[in-house]
Amino acid sequence: MANKIKNLTAQEKENLINTLKTRFNENINRHKKIDWTNVQKRLEAKPEKLWSLNEMEKTGGEPDVVGFDDDEYIFYDCSPESPKGRRSVCYDREGLESRKKFKPENTAIDMATAMGIELLNEEEYRALQMLGTFDTKTSSWIKTPDKIRRLGGALFGDYRFATVFIYHNGAQSYYGSRGFRGVVRV
């Protein structure tokens, strides 16, 4: 499914950039050696990435810069709990289609693709947890290795008892407290 490049209005761009800048300044510990001016220039030059960040924001993800690698700024969903607008979803379309009844409306993979983002993988999820405490009451689907997915499973993570846990579930499962967190590289 091809992603159409979406654009924000001038007012939406301004609002989002102001929101991201405020969050950036309030959470310096996530990006100590990164200068906001350079981030903003990159955002303004990449309208499709700005659109994806807006989708993350609209669904409750609270995206923030968490690093710089390979000449790209890295944004993760930094909401305290799994983004509210992305919960109650199966892992992927195959998982959803395998359900006989009580199918959710969407899947984590389909939503991420439509938003122009990717699910965090296990390494990224653990890196996020080094920046704060996330998913203490919720859990988040994470990108699942093909070997596990071919066998019907999918992975998710959460933070309990001062520990990051990575678990497995059937890809067809969904819960009101499980969503997914994304990453965008700009």
Protein backbone atom coordinates (compact mmCIF):
# COMPACT_ATOMS: atom_id res chain seq x y z
CA MET A 1 0.00 0.00 0.00
CA ALA A 2 1.68 3.19 -1.19
CA ASN A 3 1.76 6.15 1.14
CA LYS A 4 0.57 9.42 -0.36
CA ILE A 5 2.56 12.42 0.80
CA LYS A 6 0.32 14.50 2.99
CA ASN A 7 0.80 18.14 3.84
CA LEU A 8 -0.28 20.23 6.78
CA THR A 9 -1.71 23.72 6.52
CA ALA A 10 0.56 26.60 7.51
CA GLN A 11 -1.33 26.91 10.80
CA GLU A 12 -1.06 23.18 11.54
CA LYS A 13 2.69 23.29 10.83
CA GLU A 14 3.16 26.27 13.12
CA ASN A 15 1.12 24.66 15.91
CA LEU A 16 2.96 21.35 15.64
CA ILE A 17 6.41 22.94 15.53
CA ASN A 18 5.54 25.02 18.60
CA THR A 19 4.32 21.90 20.42
CA LEU A 20 7.45 19.94 19.48
CA LYS A 21 9.73 22.82 20.47
CA THR A 22 8.02 23.16 23.87
CA ARG A 23 8.31 19.41 24.48
CA PHE A 24 11.94 19.47 23.34
CA ASN A 25 12.78 22.26 25.81
CA GLU A 26 10.89 20.59 28.67
CA ASN A 27 12.71 17.26 28.19
CA ILE A 28 16.34 18.20 27.52
CA ASN A 29 17.48 14.93 29.14
CA ARG A 30 16.22 13.07 26.04
CA HIS A 31 18.50 14.99 23.65
CA LYS A 32 21.26 16.81 25.53
CA LYS A 33 23.58 17.44 22.57
CA ILE A 34 20.95 18.36 19.97
CA ASP A 35 20.18 21.93 18.95
CA TRP A 36 16.49 22.68 18.32
CA THR A 37 17.28 25.16 15.52
CA ASN A 38 18.77 22.34 13.42
CA VAL A 39 15.81 20.05 14.17
CA GLN A 40 13.34 22.73 13.12
CA LYS A 41 15.19 23.40 9.85
CA ARG A 42 15.07 19.69 9.04
CA LEU A 43 11.37 19.49 9.92
CA GLU A 44 10.53 22.43 7.70
CA ALA A 45 12.41 20.80 4.81
CA LYS A 46 10.55 17.47 5.21
CA PRO A 47 6.76 18.12 5.09
CA GLU A 48 5.95 14.40 4.84
CA LYS A 49 7.80 13.74 8.10
CA LEU A 50 6.09 16.68 9.74
CA TRP A 51 2.77 15.18 8.66
CA SER A 52 3.74 11.83 10.26
CA LEU A 53 4.73 13.57 13.50
CA ASN A 54 1.37 15.32 13.47
CA GLU A 55 -0.35 11.94 13.16
CA MET A 56 1.67 10.73 16.16
CA GLU A 57 0.62 13.83 18.09
CA LYS A 58 -3.08 13.51 17.12
CA THR A 59 -3.19 9.93 18.43
CA GLY A 60 -1.61 10.84 21.78
CA GLY A 61 2.00 9.82 21.14
CA GLU A 62 3.74 13.01 22.29
CA PRO A 63 6.65 12.58 19.85
CA ASP A 64 10.03 13.95 20.90
CA VAL A 65 13.60 13.89 19.61
CA VAL A 66 15.56 11.07 21.24
CA GLY A 67 18.70 11.01 19.14
CA PHE A 68 20.64 11.76 15.98
CA ASP A 69 22.09 8.96 13.85
CA ASP A 70 23.09 8.53 10.20
CA ASP A 71 22.35 12.23 9.56
CA GLU A 72 18.76 11.87 10.82
CA TYR A 73 16.94 13.12 13.90
CA ILE A 74 15.09 10.29 15.62
CA PHE A 75 11.65 10.87 17.15
CA TYR A 76 9.89 8.34 19.40
CA ASP A 77 6.46 8.43 20.96
CA CYS A 78 7.21 9.64 24.50
CA SER A 79 3.74 9.64 26.03
CA PRO A 80 3.80 8.17 29.55
CA GLU A 81 1.44 5.37 28.50
CA SER A 82 0.89 3.69 25.13
CA PRO A 83 -0.80 6.28 22.89
CA LYS A 84 -4.51 6.29 23.61
CA GLY A 85 -5.55 6.73 19.99
CA ARG A 86 -3.68 3.56 19.01
CA ARG A 87 -4.93 0.98 21.50
CA SER A 88 -7.18 -2.07 21.12
CA VAL A 89 -5.50 -3.24 17.92
CA CYS A 90 -4.14 -6.60 16.78
CA TYR A 91 -0.51 -6.72 15.75
CA ASP A 92 -1.05 -7.03 11.98
CA ARG A 93 -3.63 -7.73 9.27
CA GLU A 94 -2.95 -11.49 9.29
CA GLY A 95 -3.60 -11.55 13.04
CA LEU A 96 -6.82 -9.57 12.65
CA GLU A 97 -8.10 -11.76 9.81
CA SER A 98 -7.43 -14.92 11.86
CA ARG A 99 -9.91 -13.79 14.54
CA LYS A 100 -13.25 -15.53 14.24
CA LYS A 101 -15.20 -12.90 16.21
CA PHE A 102 -14.81 -9.63 18.09
CA LYS A 103 -12.41 -8.21 15.53
CA PRO A 104 -10.89 -4.83 16.37
CA GLU A 105 -11.14 -2.00 13.86
CA ASN A 106 -7.46 -1.89 12.98
CA THR A 107 -3.95 -3.26 13.45
CA ALA A 108 -0.73 -1.74 14.76
CA ILE A 109 1.14 -2.38 11.51
CA ASP A 110 -1.62 -0.95 9.30
CA MET A 111 -1.99 2.16 11.47
CA ALA A 112 1.77 2.75 11.56
CA THR A 113 2.02 2.38 7.78
CA ALA A 114 -0.85 4.82 7.24
CA MET A 115 0.87 7.29 9.59
CA GLY A 116 4.24 6.95 7.83
CA ILE A 117 5.95 5.60 10.95
CA GLU A 118 7.41 2.29 12.13
CA LEU A 119 6.84 0.39 15.35
CA LEU A 120 9.71 0.57 17.82
CA ASN A 121 11.80 -2.59 17.82
CA GLU A 122 13.00 -4.20 21.06
CA GLU A 123 16.28 -2.28 21.11
CA GLU A 124 14.49 1.04 20.54
CA TYR A 125 11.86 0.21 23.17
CA ARG A 126 14.57 -0.50 25.74
CA ALA A 127 16.38 2.73 24.74
CA LEU A 128 13.14 4.66 25.28
CA GLN A 129 12.84 3.20 28.77
CA MET A 130 16.32 4.58 29.57
CA LEU A 131 14.92 8.09 28.99
CA GLY A 132 12.10 7.83 31.53
CA THR A 133 9.41 5.52 32.79
CA PHE A 134 6.88 4.49 30.14
CA ASP A 135 4.05 1.95 29.95
CA THR A 136 3.58 1.41 33.69
CA LYS A 137 -0.17 0.80 33.21
CA THR A 138 -0.25 -0.10 29.51
CA SER A 139 1.79 -2.15 27.07
CA SER A 140 2.98 -1.51 23.52
CA TRP A 141 3.34 -3.81 20.54
CA ILE A 142 6.91 -3.76 19.19
CA LYS A 143 8.30 -4.81 15.84
CA THR A 144 8.39 -8.59 15.90
CA PRO A 145 11.13 -10.66 14.24
CA ASP A 146 9.90 -12.62 11.21
CA LYS A 147 10.79 -15.96 12.83
CA ILE A 148 8.38 -15.31 15.72
CA ARG A 149 5.71 -13.78 13.51
CA ARG A 150 5.73 -16.78 11.11
CA LEU A 151 4.87 -18.97 14.10
CA GLY A 152 1.86 -16.79 14.98
CA GLY A 153 3.41 -14.72 17.74
CA ALA A 154 4.03 -11.04 18.27
CA LEU A 155 6.01 -9.12 20.89
CA PHE A 156 5.05 -6.32 23.24
CA GLY A 157 6.74 -4.51 26.08
CA ASP A 158 5.90 -2.74 29.30
CA TYR A 159 7.54 -1.48 32.48
CA ARG A 160 6.66 -3.15 35.79
CA PHE A 161 8.54 -3.67 39.07
CA ALA A 162 11.29 -1.26 37.94
CA THR A 163 12.02 -3.57 35.00
CA VAL A 164 11.41 -3.52 31.24
CA PHE A 165 9.60 -6.68 30.21
CA ILE A 166 9.29 -8.02 26.67
CA TYR A 167 6.54 -10.59 26.29
CA HIS A 168 4.82 -12.56 23.57
CA ASN A 169 1.19 -12.98 22.61
CA GLY A 170 -0.71 -14.24 19.61
CA ALA A 171 -0.71 -11.56 16.91
CA GLN A 172 -4.51 -11.76 16.84
CA SER A 173 -4.88 -10.63 20.45
CA TYR A 174 -5.80 -7.12 21.46
CA TYR A 175 -6.47 -5.32 24.72
CA GLY A 176 -7.80 -1.91 25.70
CA SER A 177 -4.51 -1.17 27.43
CA ARG A 178 -2.20 -2.25 24.57
CA GLY A 179 -1.27 0.05 21.72
CA PHE A 180 1.98 0.72 19.95
CA ARG A 181 4.77 3.28 19.91
CA GLY A 182 6.38 4.56 16.77
CA VAL A 183 9.61 5.98 15.43
CA VAL A 184 10.17 8.58 12.72
CA ARG A 185 13.54 9.52 11.28
CA VAL A 186 13.82 13.04 9.89
